[in-house]
Amino acid sequence: MNTITEELVTIDINGRTIDCYVWGYFHPAYDGGRDEPSEHEVYELTHVYTEQDGKQFEISEVLMFEFVRESIINQLKENVSE
C-alpha cells in the first residue's frame, strides 16, 4: 500500500475547473499466481482540498461523484507514468 499525499489534480465540474490536492491510498495490482487470488489496483481517495485566497478548504464531498473519482484516478496514473 502506498500513501497518496498532496497530489495536485484538476477537476472539472459543470464547466468550472478547480486545482485540488488529493490524499488517499493506492494498492497496486497483485498477481497471486496459481495458489493465491489476484487483486486489481485500487485507489482509495480520502480527502480533497482546494486553496483559495491562501486558505485551504476541504471539498471531499465531490468524491461521491463517480466521474470526479475517475478523473482524479486517471490523472494520478498519468503523473506516475511521467
Protein backbone atom coordinates (compact mmCIF):
# COMPACT_ATOMS: atom_id res chain seq x y z
CA MET A 1 0.00 0.00 0.00
CA ASN A 2 1.29 3.43 -0.95
CA THR A 3 0.10 6.70 0.52
CA ILE A 4 -1.06 9.39 -1.88
CA THR A 5 0.00 12.67 -0.31
CA GLU A 6 -0.72 16.09 -1.75
CA GLU A 7 -1.01 15.12 -5.39
CA LEU A 8 -2.09 18.09 -7.47
CA VAL A 9 -5.02 17.32 -9.78
CA THR A 10 -7.55 19.36 -11.71
CA ILE A 11 -11.25 18.60 -11.56
CA ASP A 12 -13.92 19.95 -13.87
CA ILE A 13 -17.45 20.27 -12.52
CA ASN A 14 -20.12 21.95 -14.62
CA GLY A 15 -17.50 23.75 -16.70
CA ARG A 16 -15.63 25.09 -13.68
CA THR A 17 -12.03 23.91 -13.40
CA ILE A 18 -10.56 23.66 -9.91
CA ASP A 19 -6.99 22.79 -8.91
CA CYS A 20 -7.06 20.44 -5.93
CA TYR A 21 -4.81 18.40 -3.71
CA VAL A 22 -5.84 14.82 -3.13
CA TRP A 23 -4.92 12.43 -0.32
CA GLY A 24 -5.55 8.71 -0.09
CA TYR A 25 -4.07 5.27 -0.61
CA PHE A 26 -3.03 3.22 -3.64
CA HIS A 27 -2.98 -0.57 -3.51
CA PRO A 28 -1.01 -1.88 -6.50
CA ALA A 29 -2.25 -4.85 -8.50
CA TYR A 30 -1.08 -8.22 -7.26
CA ASP A 31 -0.71 -11.34 -9.36
CA GLY A 32 -1.26 -14.19 -6.96
CA GLY A 33 -0.27 -16.86 -9.44
CA ARG A 34 -1.82 -20.31 -9.07
CA ASP A 35 -2.10 -20.52 -5.29
CA GLU A 36 -3.42 -17.09 -4.35
CA PRO A 37 -6.11 -14.84 -5.78
CA SER A 38 -5.03 -11.92 -7.93
CA GLU A 39 -6.07 -8.40 -7.00
CA HIS A 40 -6.68 -5.35 -9.18
CA GLU A 41 -5.16 -1.98 -8.38
CA VAL A 42 -7.30 0.04 -6.00
CA TYR A 43 -7.33 3.76 -5.33
CA GLU A 44 -8.85 4.84 -2.01
CA LEU A 45 -9.29 8.59 -2.20
CA THR A 46 -9.93 10.02 1.24
CA HIS A 47 -9.62 13.82 1.13
CA VAL A 48 -9.67 16.57 -1.47
CA TYR A 49 -8.65 20.14 -0.68
CA THR A 50 -8.56 23.32 -2.71
CA GLU A 51 -6.89 26.60 -1.93
CA GLN A 52 -8.50 29.97 -2.28
CA ASP A 53 -7.09 33.29 -1.09
CA GLY A 54 -4.32 31.46 0.81
CA LYS A 55 -6.76 29.29 2.78
CA GLN A 56 -7.41 25.57 2.33
CA PHE A 57 -10.94 24.24 2.05
CA GLU A 58 -11.91 20.58 2.17
CA ILE A 59 -14.16 19.57 -0.72
CA SER A 60 -14.07 15.81 -0.19
CA GLU A 61 -17.80 15.54 -0.84
CA VAL A 62 -17.03 15.75 -4.59
CA LEU A 63 -15.66 12.20 -4.30
CA MET A 64 -19.23 10.90 -4.22
CA PHE A 65 -19.42 11.62 -7.97
CA GLU A 66 -18.02 8.72 -9.96
CA PHE A 67 -16.85 10.90 -12.86
CA VAL A 68 -14.80 13.02 -10.44
CA ARG A 69 -13.15 9.94 -8.88
CA GLU A 70 -12.39 8.51 -12.33
CA SER A 71 -10.90 11.80 -13.50
CA ILE A 72 -8.68 12.04 -10.40
CA ILE A 73 -7.53 8.41 -10.75
CA ASN A 74 -6.67 8.94 -14.44
CA GLN A 75 -4.61 12.00 -13.53
CA LEU A 76 -2.81 10.11 -10.76
CA LYS A 77 -1.94 7.35 -13.24
CA GLU A 78 -0.63 9.93 -15.71
CA ASN A 79 1.50 11.56 -13.00
CA VAL A 80 3.10 8.19 -12.21
CA SER A 81 3.89 7.46 -15.85
CA GLU A 82 5.67 10.81 -16.34
